N, C-alpha and C. Protein backbone atom coordinates (compact mmCIF):
# COMPACT_ATOMS: atom_id res chain seq x y z
N UNK A 1 6.12 7.58 -9.55
CA UNK A 1 6.36 7.05 -8.22
C UNK A 1 7.84 6.69 -8.09
N UNK A 2 8.45 7.18 -7.04
CA UNK A 2 9.82 6.83 -6.74
C UNK A 2 9.78 5.79 -5.62
N UNK A 3 10.17 4.59 -5.95
CA UNK A 3 10.12 3.50 -4.98
C UNK A 3 11.29 3.61 -4.02
N UNK A 4 11.01 3.49 -2.73
CA UNK A 4 12.08 3.52 -1.75
C UNK A 4 12.06 2.30 -0.84
N UNK A 5 11.03 1.46 -0.95
CA UNK A 5 10.92 0.23 -0.15
C UNK A 5 10.65 -0.95 -1.06
N UNK A 6 11.13 -2.12 -0.66
CA UNK A 6 10.79 -3.35 -1.37
C UNK A 6 10.32 -4.39 -0.36
N UNK A 7 9.50 -5.29 -0.82
CA UNK A 7 9.07 -6.45 -0.02
C UNK A 7 9.24 -7.67 -0.92
N UNK A 8 9.94 -8.66 -0.42
CA UNK A 8 10.11 -9.92 -1.14
C UNK A 8 9.38 -11.01 -0.40
N UNK A 9 8.62 -11.79 -1.15
CA UNK A 9 7.90 -12.92 -0.56
C UNK A 9 8.48 -14.19 -1.14
N UNK A 10 8.46 -15.22 -0.33
CA UNK A 10 9.04 -16.49 -0.74
C UNK A 10 8.15 -17.61 -0.20
N UNK A 11 7.90 -18.60 -1.02
CA UNK A 11 7.10 -19.74 -0.59
C UNK A 11 7.90 -20.50 0.47
N UNK A 12 7.27 -20.76 1.59
CA UNK A 12 7.93 -21.54 2.65
C UNK A 12 8.08 -22.98 2.18
N UNK A 13 9.17 -23.60 2.56
CA UNK A 13 9.43 -24.97 2.13
C UNK A 13 8.44 -25.95 2.73
N UNK A 14 7.89 -25.65 3.89
CA UNK A 14 6.95 -26.56 4.55
C UNK A 14 5.57 -25.95 4.65
N UNK A 15 5.12 -25.27 3.65
CA UNK A 15 3.79 -24.66 3.69
C UNK A 15 2.79 -25.45 2.87
N UNK A 16 1.55 -25.20 3.15
CA UNK A 16 0.48 -25.81 2.38
C UNK A 16 -0.23 -24.70 1.60
N UNK A 17 0.18 -24.51 0.39
CA UNK A 17 -0.43 -23.49 -0.44
C UNK A 17 -1.37 -24.15 -1.44
N UNK A 18 -2.51 -23.52 -1.66
CA UNK A 18 -3.51 -24.12 -2.54
C UNK A 18 -3.24 -23.87 -4.01
N UNK A 19 -2.42 -22.88 -4.33
CA UNK A 19 -2.15 -22.61 -5.75
C UNK A 19 -0.64 -22.54 -5.98
N UNK A 20 -0.24 -22.80 -7.19
CA UNK A 20 1.18 -22.80 -7.55
C UNK A 20 1.67 -21.37 -7.66
N UNK A 21 2.85 -21.12 -7.11
CA UNK A 21 3.44 -19.77 -7.16
C UNK A 21 4.91 -19.88 -7.53
N UNK A 22 5.45 -18.77 -8.01
CA UNK A 22 6.89 -18.75 -8.22
C UNK A 22 7.55 -18.74 -6.84
N UNK A 23 8.75 -19.26 -6.72
CA UNK A 23 9.36 -19.37 -5.40
C UNK A 23 9.63 -18.02 -4.72
N UNK A 24 9.88 -16.98 -5.50
CA UNK A 24 10.20 -15.67 -4.92
C UNK A 24 9.64 -14.56 -5.80
N UNK A 25 9.12 -13.52 -5.14
CA UNK A 25 8.57 -12.37 -5.87
C UNK A 25 8.87 -11.10 -5.08
N UNK A 26 9.28 -10.05 -5.78
CA UNK A 26 9.60 -8.77 -5.13
C UNK A 26 8.75 -7.67 -5.73
N UNK A 27 8.19 -6.83 -4.87
CA UNK A 27 7.44 -5.65 -5.30
C UNK A 27 8.04 -4.43 -4.63
N UNK A 28 7.92 -3.28 -5.29
CA UNK A 28 8.45 -2.04 -4.73
C UNK A 28 7.31 -1.09 -4.38
N UNK A 29 7.60 -0.20 -3.41
CA UNK A 29 6.59 0.71 -2.89
C UNK A 29 7.20 2.08 -2.63
N UNK A 30 6.36 3.10 -2.73
CA UNK A 30 6.81 4.47 -2.51
C UNK A 30 6.97 4.77 -1.02
N UNK A 31 6.15 4.15 -0.18
CA UNK A 31 6.20 4.45 1.26
C UNK A 31 6.36 3.18 2.08
N UNK A 32 6.84 3.37 3.29
CA UNK A 32 6.99 2.25 4.22
C UNK A 32 5.62 1.69 4.60
N UNK A 33 4.63 2.56 4.74
CA UNK A 33 3.29 2.11 5.11
C UNK A 33 2.70 1.18 4.04
N UNK A 34 2.85 1.52 2.77
CA UNK A 34 2.37 0.66 1.68
C UNK A 34 3.08 -0.69 1.72
N UNK A 35 4.38 -0.67 1.98
CA UNK A 35 5.16 -1.90 2.06
C UNK A 35 4.67 -2.77 3.21
N UNK A 36 4.36 -2.15 4.34
CA UNK A 36 3.88 -2.90 5.51
C UNK A 36 2.52 -3.53 5.24
N UNK A 37 1.64 -2.82 4.57
CA UNK A 37 0.32 -3.38 4.25
C UNK A 37 0.46 -4.62 3.37
N UNK A 38 1.31 -4.53 2.38
CA UNK A 38 1.53 -5.66 1.49
C UNK A 38 2.18 -6.83 2.24
N UNK A 39 3.19 -6.52 3.05
CA UNK A 39 3.89 -7.55 3.81
C UNK A 39 2.94 -8.27 4.76
N UNK A 40 2.07 -7.52 5.43
CA UNK A 40 1.11 -8.12 6.36
C UNK A 40 0.17 -9.08 5.62
N UNK A 41 -0.30 -8.68 4.45
CA UNK A 41 -1.19 -9.52 3.66
C UNK A 41 -0.50 -10.81 3.23
N UNK A 42 0.76 -10.71 2.83
CA UNK A 42 1.49 -11.89 2.39
C UNK A 42 1.82 -12.81 3.56
N UNK A 43 2.10 -12.24 4.73
CA UNK A 43 2.31 -13.07 5.91
C UNK A 43 1.05 -13.86 6.24
N UNK A 44 -0.10 -13.23 6.11
CA UNK A 44 -1.37 -13.89 6.37
C UNK A 44 -1.62 -15.04 5.40
N UNK A 45 -1.01 -14.99 4.22
CA UNK A 45 -1.13 -16.07 3.24
C UNK A 45 -0.16 -17.21 3.54
N UNK A 46 0.70 -17.05 4.53
CA UNK A 46 1.63 -18.10 4.90
C UNK A 46 2.97 -18.05 4.20
N UNK A 47 3.29 -16.92 3.58
CA UNK A 47 4.56 -16.79 2.87
C UNK A 47 5.64 -16.25 3.79
N UNK A 48 6.89 -16.56 3.49
CA UNK A 48 8.03 -15.96 4.17
C UNK A 48 8.21 -14.57 3.55
N UNK A 49 8.42 -13.56 4.40
CA UNK A 49 8.48 -12.17 3.93
C UNK A 49 9.72 -11.49 4.50
N UNK A 50 10.43 -10.74 3.66
CA UNK A 50 11.47 -9.85 4.14
C UNK A 50 11.40 -8.57 3.34
N UNK A 51 11.97 -7.49 3.88
CA UNK A 51 11.81 -6.17 3.27
C UNK A 51 13.05 -5.32 3.52
N UNK A 52 13.04 -4.15 2.90
CA UNK A 52 14.13 -3.21 3.11
C UNK A 52 13.97 -1.98 2.24
N UNK A 53 14.93 -1.09 2.36
CA UNK A 53 14.92 0.12 1.57
C UNK A 53 15.76 -0.08 0.32
N UNK A 54 15.45 0.70 -0.69
CA UNK A 54 16.17 0.65 -1.96
C UNK A 54 17.17 1.80 -1.97
N UNK A 55 18.41 1.50 -2.35
CA UNK A 55 19.42 2.56 -2.45
C UNK A 55 18.97 3.59 -3.47
N UNK A 56 19.15 4.86 -3.27
CA UNK A 56 19.96 5.53 -2.25
C UNK A 56 19.16 6.00 -1.04
N UNK A 57 18.00 5.41 -0.76
CA UNK A 57 17.19 5.81 0.39
C UNK A 57 18.00 5.70 1.68
N UNK A 58 17.93 6.74 2.50
CA UNK A 58 18.65 6.77 3.77
C UNK A 58 17.66 7.08 4.87
N UNK A 59 17.68 6.46 6.02
CA UNK A 59 18.63 5.43 6.41
C UNK A 59 18.30 4.11 5.75
N UNK A 60 19.35 3.36 5.43
CA UNK A 60 19.15 2.04 4.83
C UNK A 60 18.65 1.08 5.89
N UNK A 61 17.68 0.28 5.52
CA UNK A 61 17.14 -0.72 6.45
C UNK A 61 16.99 -2.05 5.76
N UNK A 62 17.24 -3.09 6.51
CA UNK A 62 17.01 -4.45 6.05
C UNK A 62 16.21 -5.14 7.13
N UNK A 63 15.06 -5.65 6.78
CA UNK A 63 14.20 -6.35 7.73
C UNK A 63 14.17 -7.82 7.32
N UNK A 64 14.92 -8.67 8.03
CA UNK A 64 14.93 -10.09 7.69
C UNK A 64 13.60 -10.75 8.06
N UNK A 65 13.37 -11.94 7.56
CA UNK A 65 12.12 -12.65 7.84
C UNK A 65 11.88 -12.79 9.34
N UNK A 66 12.94 -12.99 10.10
CA UNK A 66 12.80 -13.14 11.55
C UNK A 66 12.37 -11.85 12.23
N UNK A 67 12.57 -10.70 11.59
CA UNK A 67 12.23 -9.41 12.19
C UNK A 67 10.97 -8.76 11.62
N UNK A 68 10.29 -9.44 10.71
CA UNK A 68 9.11 -8.86 10.06
C UNK A 68 8.00 -8.53 11.06
N UNK A 69 7.74 -9.44 12.00
CA UNK A 69 6.65 -9.20 12.95
C UNK A 69 6.93 -7.95 13.79
N UNK A 70 8.17 -7.75 14.21
CA UNK A 70 8.53 -6.55 14.98
C UNK A 70 8.39 -5.30 14.13
N UNK A 71 8.78 -5.37 12.86
CA UNK A 71 8.67 -4.22 11.95
C UNK A 71 7.21 -3.84 11.75
N UNK A 72 6.36 -4.84 11.56
CA UNK A 72 4.93 -4.57 11.38
C UNK A 72 4.30 -4.03 12.65
N UNK A 73 4.83 -4.39 13.81
CA UNK A 73 4.27 -3.93 15.09
C UNK A 73 4.72 -2.52 15.44
N UNK A 74 5.71 -1.97 14.76
CA UNK A 74 6.20 -0.62 15.06
C UNK A 74 5.07 0.40 15.05
N UNK A 75 4.21 0.36 14.06
CA UNK A 75 3.11 1.32 13.96
C UNK A 75 2.11 1.14 15.08
N UNK A 76 1.86 -0.08 15.48
CA UNK A 76 0.87 -0.37 16.50
C UNK A 76 1.35 0.00 17.89
N UNK A 77 2.65 -0.02 18.13
CA UNK A 77 3.20 0.28 19.45
C UNK A 77 3.36 1.78 19.66
N UNK A 78 3.37 2.55 18.59
CA UNK A 78 3.52 3.98 18.72
C UNK A 78 4.96 4.44 18.84
N UNK A 79 5.87 3.50 19.03
CA UNK A 79 7.29 3.83 19.11
C UNK A 79 8.05 2.85 18.24
N UNK A 80 9.10 3.32 17.66
CA UNK A 80 9.88 2.45 16.78
C UNK A 80 10.70 1.46 17.60
N UNK A 81 10.73 0.24 17.11
CA UNK A 81 11.60 -0.77 17.69
C UNK A 81 13.02 -0.51 17.20
N UNK A 82 14.01 -1.09 17.82
CA UNK A 82 15.38 -0.89 17.33
C UNK A 82 15.49 -1.27 15.86
N UNK A 83 16.21 -0.46 15.12
CA UNK A 83 16.31 -0.66 13.68
C UNK A 83 17.65 -1.24 13.32
N UNK A 84 17.67 -2.08 12.31
CA UNK A 84 18.92 -2.56 11.75
C UNK A 84 19.31 -1.60 10.65
N UNK A 85 20.50 -1.03 10.77
CA UNK A 85 20.95 -0.11 9.75
C UNK A 85 22.29 -0.58 9.22
N UNK A 86 22.48 -0.34 7.94
CA UNK A 86 23.74 -0.66 7.29
C UNK A 86 24.66 0.53 7.51
N UNK A 87 25.78 0.33 8.17
CA UNK A 87 26.67 1.44 8.50
C UNK A 87 27.78 1.64 7.50
N UNK A 88 27.81 0.86 6.46
CA UNK A 88 28.88 0.99 5.46
C UNK A 88 28.62 2.15 4.55
């Protein structure tokens, strides 16, 4: 498997979690769809989630925690929302 996406989860500072977790965890995925499924599940658990592509995957994308809901909704809307791309 060649990973091209990552999802990082982070315990929210003001969350009520029933079990102890490490403050941050990152997993890699071969496809954007797999990354979205994982991100959606972690959001449902109350974690802060951000994602992006792994170099050298092009186009490069970074999805900050504030943009996760829009990224997850892209599939449901049938059209892509505006993407953040690294132009460097």
